Structures are given as C-alpha cells and as structure tokens.
Protein backbone atom coordinates (compact mmCIF):
# COMPACT_ATOMS: atom_id res chain seq x y z
CA MET A 1 17.45 -11.68 -6.41
CA LEU A 2 18.53 -11.60 -10.08
CA ARG A 3 16.48 -14.16 -11.98
CA ALA A 4 17.46 -13.41 -15.59
CA VAL A 5 18.96 -10.58 -17.66
CA LEU A 6 19.46 -9.76 -21.34
CA THR A 7 21.49 -6.97 -22.91
CA HIS A 8 20.66 -5.63 -26.35
CA PRO A 9 18.14 -8.40 -27.14
CA THR A 10 16.52 -8.68 -30.54
CA PRO A 11 12.75 -8.05 -30.65
CA ALA A 12 12.14 -11.81 -30.78
CA GLU A 13 14.43 -12.42 -27.78
CA LEU A 14 12.82 -9.58 -25.83
CA LEU A 15 9.31 -10.83 -26.59
CA ALA A 16 10.20 -14.34 -25.39
CA PHE A 17 11.80 -12.91 -22.24
CA LEU A 18 8.77 -10.78 -21.36
CA ARG A 19 6.29 -13.56 -22.06
CA GLU A 20 8.30 -15.88 -19.81
CA HIS A 21 8.56 -13.49 -16.88
CA VAL A 22 5.71 -10.97 -17.04
CA HIS A 23 3.24 -13.31 -15.33
CA ALA A 24 5.72 -15.31 -13.28
CA GLY A 25 4.85 -15.01 -9.60
CA GLY A 26 6.81 -12.49 -7.56
CA VAL A 27 8.88 -11.12 -10.45
CA THR A 28 9.76 -7.44 -10.98
CA LEU A 29 10.79 -6.47 -14.52
CA HIS A 30 13.16 -3.65 -15.52
CA LEU A 31 13.46 -2.57 -19.14
CA ALA A 32 15.68 0.23 -20.44
CA GLY A 33 15.73 1.41 -24.03
CA GLU A 34 14.32 3.73 -26.65
CA LEU A 35 10.58 3.74 -26.08
CA GLU A 36 7.36 5.36 -27.22
CA VAL A 37 4.61 5.57 -24.60
CA MET A 38 0.91 6.01 -25.34
CA TYR A 39 -1.75 6.52 -22.69
CA ALA A 40 -5.55 6.62 -22.99
CA GLY A 41 -8.05 6.91 -20.15
CA ARG A 42 -9.18 9.89 -18.13
CA ALA A 43 -7.05 11.89 -20.56
CA ALA A 44 -4.81 11.02 -23.50
CA SER A 45 -1.09 11.49 -23.95
CA MET A 46 1.85 10.32 -25.98
CA ALA A 47 5.55 10.43 -25.18
CA GLU A 48 7.57 10.43 -28.39
CA ALA A 49 10.57 8.17 -28.84
CA GLY A 50 13.21 8.67 -26.16
CA ASP A 51 15.41 6.84 -23.67
CA ARG A 52 13.21 5.61 -20.84
CA PHE A 53 13.10 3.04 -18.09
CA VAL A 54 10.10 0.77 -17.41
CA ILE A 55 9.37 -0.99 -14.12
CA VAL A 56 6.68 -3.68 -13.91
CA LYS A 57 6.32 -4.79 -10.30
CA ALA A 58 5.10 -8.14 -9.05
CA ASP A 59 1.73 -6.64 -8.08
CA GLY A 60 1.14 -5.59 -11.71
CA SER A 61 1.83 -1.89 -11.20
CA LEU A 62 3.71 -0.22 -14.04
CA GLN A 63 5.91 2.88 -14.14
CA VAL A 64 7.68 4.56 -17.05
CA HIS A 65 10.52 6.90 -16.06
CA GLY A 66 12.43 9.47 -18.07
CA PRO A 67 16.04 10.53 -17.55
CA ARG A 68 15.13 13.27 -15.03
CA GLY A 69 12.91 13.72 -11.99
CA VAL A 70 11.43 11.30 -9.50
CA LYS A 71 7.91 11.17 -10.90
CA PRO A 72 7.10 8.64 -13.66
CA VAL A 73 6.05 10.10 -17.00
CA ASN A 74 3.32 7.42 -17.15
CA TRP A 75 2.13 4.82 -14.68
CA GLN A 76 -0.64 2.47 -13.64
CA PRO A 77 -1.07 1.67 -9.93
CA ARG A 78 -2.36 -1.76 -10.88
CA THR A 79 -3.22 -3.70 -14.05
CA ASP A 80 -6.03 -6.09 -14.90
CA PHE A 81 -4.41 -7.10 -18.20
CA LEU A 82 -0.73 -7.12 -19.09
CA GLN A 83 0.60 -8.60 -22.32
CA ALA A 84 3.61 -8.40 -24.65
CA ASP A 85 3.22 -8.73 -28.43
CA LEU A 86 5.18 -8.08 -31.60
CA GLU A 87 3.80 -5.29 -33.78
CA ASP A 88 5.49 -3.93 -36.91
CA GLY A 89 8.79 -5.47 -35.84
CA CYS A 90 8.73 -3.89 -32.35
CA VAL A 91 7.79 -5.34 -28.99
CA LEU A 92 4.63 -3.73 -27.60
CA LEU A 93 3.86 -3.94 -23.88
CA HIS A 94 0.12 -3.41 -23.34
CA ALA A 95 -1.09 -2.66 -19.77
CA GLU A 96 -4.78 -2.14 -19.08
CA ARG A 97 -7.07 -1.69 -16.12
CA ARG A 98 -10.86 -1.67 -16.07
CA SER A 99 -11.85 0.77 -13.34
CA PRO A 100 -11.14 3.47 -14.22
CA ALA A 101 -10.66 2.40 -17.84
CA GLU A 102 -7.03 3.15 -18.69
CA VAL A 103 -4.50 1.79 -21.16
CA VAL A 104 -0.73 2.28 -21.30
CA ARG A 105 1.09 1.00 -24.39
CA VAL A 106 4.88 0.94 -24.43
CA ARG A 107 6.50 0.39 -27.83
CA VAL A 108 10.12 -0.76 -27.55
CA LEU A 109 12.06 0.64 -30.52
CA SER A 110 15.31 -0.72 -29.12
CA CYS A 111 16.20 -2.39 -25.82
CA ALA A 112 19.52 -1.90 -24.07
CA LEU A 113 18.73 -4.06 -21.04
CA VAL A 114 15.90 -6.10 -19.56
CA SER A 115 16.04 -7.91 -16.23
CA ALA A 116 13.78 -10.05 -14.10
CA LEU A 117 14.25 -9.76 -10.34
CA THR A 118 12.72 -11.66 -7.47
CA LEU A 119 12.47 -9.14 -4.64
CA THR A 120 11.56 -9.97 -1.08
CA ASP A 121 10.89 -7.48 1.70
CA ASP A 122 10.66 -9.24 5.03
CA ALA A 123 12.24 -6.41 6.98
CA LEU A 124 10.20 -5.07 9.87
CA PHE A 125 8.95 -1.55 9.25
CA LEU A 126 8.51 0.59 12.35
CA LEU A 127 6.92 4.00 12.47
CA GLN A 128 9.37 6.66 13.59
CA GLY A 129 9.10 7.54 17.27
CA THR A 130 8.01 5.65 20.35
CA GLU A 131 4.61 4.06 20.91
CA ALA A 132 3.81 6.95 23.26
CA GLN A 133 4.60 9.45 20.51
CA MET A 134 2.46 7.47 18.07
CA GLN A 135 -0.40 7.51 20.54
CA GLU A 136 -0.07 11.26 21.14
CA ALA A 137 0.15 12.10 17.42
CA LEU A 138 -2.94 10.07 16.53
CA ALA A 139 -4.86 11.33 19.58
CA ARG A 140 -4.31 14.85 18.28
CA HIS A 141 -5.05 13.90 14.69
CA PRO A 142 -7.53 11.01 14.78
CA GLU A 143 -8.66 11.88 11.25
CA VAL A 144 -5.54 10.02 10.09
CA ILE A 145 -7.23 6.86 11.36
CA GLU A 146 -10.73 7.80 10.19
CA PRO A 147 -12.41 11.07 9.20
CA GLY A 148 -14.89 12.21 11.86
CA LEU A 149 -13.23 10.26 14.67
CA THR A 150 -13.15 12.09 18.03
CA VAL A 151 -10.83 10.88 20.79
CA LEU A 152 -12.44 10.72 24.24
CA ASP A 153 -9.49 9.31 26.18
CA ARG A 154 -6.16 7.55 25.82
CA GLU A 155 -4.44 4.96 28.01
CA LEU A 156 -7.86 4.33 29.55
CA LEU A 157 -7.60 1.50 32.08
CA ILE A 158 -10.29 -1.16 32.02
CA GLY A 159 -10.39 -4.57 33.64
CA VAL A 160 -8.43 -6.35 30.89
CA GLY A 161 -5.84 -3.67 30.17
CA GLY A 162 -5.33 -0.14 28.90
CA LEU A 163 -7.00 1.20 25.75
CA ASP A 164 -4.60 3.10 23.50
CA LEU A 165 -7.38 5.34 22.20
CA TYR A 166 -11.04 5.46 23.21
CA ALA A 167 -13.08 7.40 20.70
CA ARG A 168 -16.41 8.05 18.98
CA ASP A 169 -16.97 7.94 15.23
CA ALA A 170 -19.00 10.33 13.09
CA GLN A 171 -22.15 8.27 13.76
CA GLY A 172 -21.69 8.46 17.54
CA ARG A 173 -20.54 4.86 17.97
CA TYR A 174 -17.82 4.08 20.50
CA VAL A 175 -14.48 3.02 19.00
CA ILE A 176 -11.50 1.30 20.58
CA VAL A 177 -8.22 1.80 18.72
CA GLU A 178 -5.25 -0.47 19.31
CA LEU A 179 -1.95 0.95 18.02
CA LYS A 180 1.14 -0.94 16.82
CA ARG A 181 4.35 0.63 15.50
CA GLY A 182 5.30 -2.47 13.52
CA LYS A 183 3.53 -5.24 11.66
CA ALA A 184 0.54 -6.42 13.69
CA GLY A 185 0.01 -10.11 14.35
CA HIS A 186 -2.42 -12.44 16.09
CA GLU A 187 -1.63 -11.10 19.57
CA ALA A 188 -2.73 -7.58 18.58
CA VAL A 189 -6.00 -8.97 17.19
CA HIS A 190 -6.59 -10.98 20.36
CA GLN A 191 -5.85 -7.94 22.52
CA LEU A 192 -8.25 -5.69 20.59
CA SER A 193 -10.97 -8.35 20.69
CA ARG A 194 -10.64 -8.59 24.49
CA TYR A 195 -10.95 -4.81 24.85
CA VAL A 196 -14.05 -4.62 22.66
CA GLY A 197 -15.62 -7.52 24.54
CA ALA A 198 -14.96 -5.82 27.87
CA VAL A 199 -16.31 -2.39 26.88
CA GLN A 200 -19.36 -3.54 24.89
CA PRO A 201 -21.56 -4.42 27.93
CA GLN A 202 -20.84 -1.03 29.53
CA VAL A 203 -22.07 1.28 26.76
CA PRO A 204 -25.12 1.45 24.49
CA GLY A 205 -24.90 0.53 20.84
CA VAL A 206 -22.18 -1.23 18.90
CA VAL A 207 -18.53 -0.84 19.93
CA ARG A 208 -16.14 -0.84 17.01
CA GLY A 209 -12.56 -2.06 17.21
CA ILE A 210 -9.81 -0.66 14.96
CA LEU A 211 -6.26 -1.98 14.77
CA ALA A 212 -3.98 0.80 13.46
CA ALA A 213 -0.49 -0.20 12.30
CA PRO A 214 1.86 0.15 9.33
CA ASP A 215 1.12 -3.44 8.28
CA ILE A 216 -0.56 -6.69 9.37
CA THR A 217 0.12 -10.34 8.67
CA THR A 218 -2.31 -12.10 6.35
CA PRO A 219 -3.49 -14.62 9.00
CA ALA A 220 -4.00 -11.80 11.51
CA LEU A 221 -6.03 -9.81 8.96
CA ARG A 222 -8.27 -12.81 8.35
CA ALA A 223 -8.76 -13.27 12.10
CA LEU A 224 -9.48 -9.55 12.50
CA GLU A 225 -12.15 -9.56 9.81
CA ALA A 226 -13.68 -12.78 11.16
CA ALA A 227 -14.04 -11.08 14.56
CA GLY A 228 -15.81 -8.09 12.99
CA LEU A 229 -12.87 -5.78 13.68
CA GLU A 230 -11.14 -3.33 11.33
CA PHE A 231 -7.63 -2.51 10.15
CA ARG A 232 -6.23 0.92 9.31
CA ARG A 233 -2.82 1.22 7.68
CA ILE A 234 -0.75 4.04 9.23
CA GLU A 235 2.42 4.65 7.23
CA ALA A 236 3.40 8.06 8.61
CA LEU A 237 2.57 10.05 11.72
CA PRO A 238 1.39 13.67 11.73
CA GLN A 239 3.66 16.20 13.39
CA VAL A 240 2.58 17.43 16.81
CA GLN A 241 3.86 20.07 19.18
CA GLU A 242 5.80 19.02 22.25
CA GLU A 243 3.28 20.01 24.92
CA ALA A 244 1.46 17.12 26.52
CA LEU A 245 -2.06 16.20 25.49
CA GLN A 246 -4.58 16.96 28.24
CA PRO A 247 -6.25 13.82 29.67
CA LEU A 248 -9.84 13.24 28.72
CA LEU A 249 -12.61 11.62 30.71
CA PHE A 250 -14.27 8.27 29.98
CA GLN A 251 -17.65 9.19 28.50
C-alpha cells in the first residue's frame, strides 16, 4: 500500500516527489502542511495560510481539508490538468478542469508529510438488504433508476425466466430491469439480453433493457453496451414501509 513517504521535505524534495508520483498510475497522494488555497471558476475564493491536508486520488480528484468538519474546504471531482511547480520558493500544485472551467491552486508554505499510496479496492460491495427488499424498494421508487419510469409488474414470469421489474419509461417504451445487489458480470448481461429478446416480439415498439446494480465489471459493461442495453448505478436504496407491494398486471 505505502509506496513512498517524506517528512518535512524541502521545497525541492517535495517538488521532485510530486512530479514523480502525481501522474503515476493508481497512486493516491496525501500532503499535510501549511497551505494557501486559491480557487477560481463558478465563483472565486481564497483560504489564507493554515494547516490543511490535501488528497489527490488516482482518478485525478482533489480535496483540501481543514482541521475540522467532514466537508473539504476546496475540491475538484476530477482534473484535466494537474501539475506541480516551484514558484517564489514554494511548491505550487495546480489543478484544472475544462468543463466547467475551474482552477484550484495549492501553495505549500511548509510540508510536514507527503505520502504516495497504492490503494486497491477489490472487496465486493453489496447493497443492504435482500434482493427481494431491493426489488420492492425500487418498484416503489423507480425514479431512482430513471425519472419518469413506471413499474407495471415485478417477478413477471416469461418463458425464459422471471423479470425483476417490468416497466414503461416516460416515452411509453417498455423497459425490463434486471437487479443485482453486488457487482454485475457477464451472466447478468446475458440474462437481461435473453429477457429483452423474449419480450420484444410480444409488444409494439422498442423494448429497453436496464441492468441496475452498485457496480459492473468493465468487460460486462462493454458487452452490455454492445448489446444495446443500459447500466444504472444504484448505490443506496430508498426506504419503504413494511407493507407488501400490490401485484401489478402485465400490460
């Protein structure tokens, strides 16, 4: 996990460290010290010199935290340009994105610690509750999957299996939703494709297929898109009351 660490580096040492690791694949950077933070974009702000903590994640996102609270004082959800330079004897970390146009500049007046970490997250994430509870929650709140979606039936049996959710979208098209509590793979894509293929000849117009899960493997996502199907990331379920959902008819 720990790739490299420096304590109380000089500006030259810090600059070399950042330039070595800031664009290294899969590296998360932590920097703690006395910092000034300048932001320009949809608004403008400046945080005067103070003890702060910077996180630059492997996806390019940047967060600057103060000594209190859980919310960063400045952040960028992603960056198109990230560079470290030396300016007036201080290291300057420049993070920029194009749309919307935003710039965050972090001037390091002194650095207590900087580390480079290689973080992996292969753990399986499962939505809380059973698959039946997931199905019930999303049947009651289909807008979590897509605004304008109306559920017509759930656990609808057809010749090749049971549809988790059978719905119509805002344009009146029929939609088949396949639900997975964990990361979806090829089997989920194959299953959804079979369901769409079975229902399509029975109804007018195009039948859409949506795979709803907290995550999906990259090969499965490619296969899903190649089949003309869609993915919706569901990271939390809406709360529902305990009474059972009334069955709906196949329409």
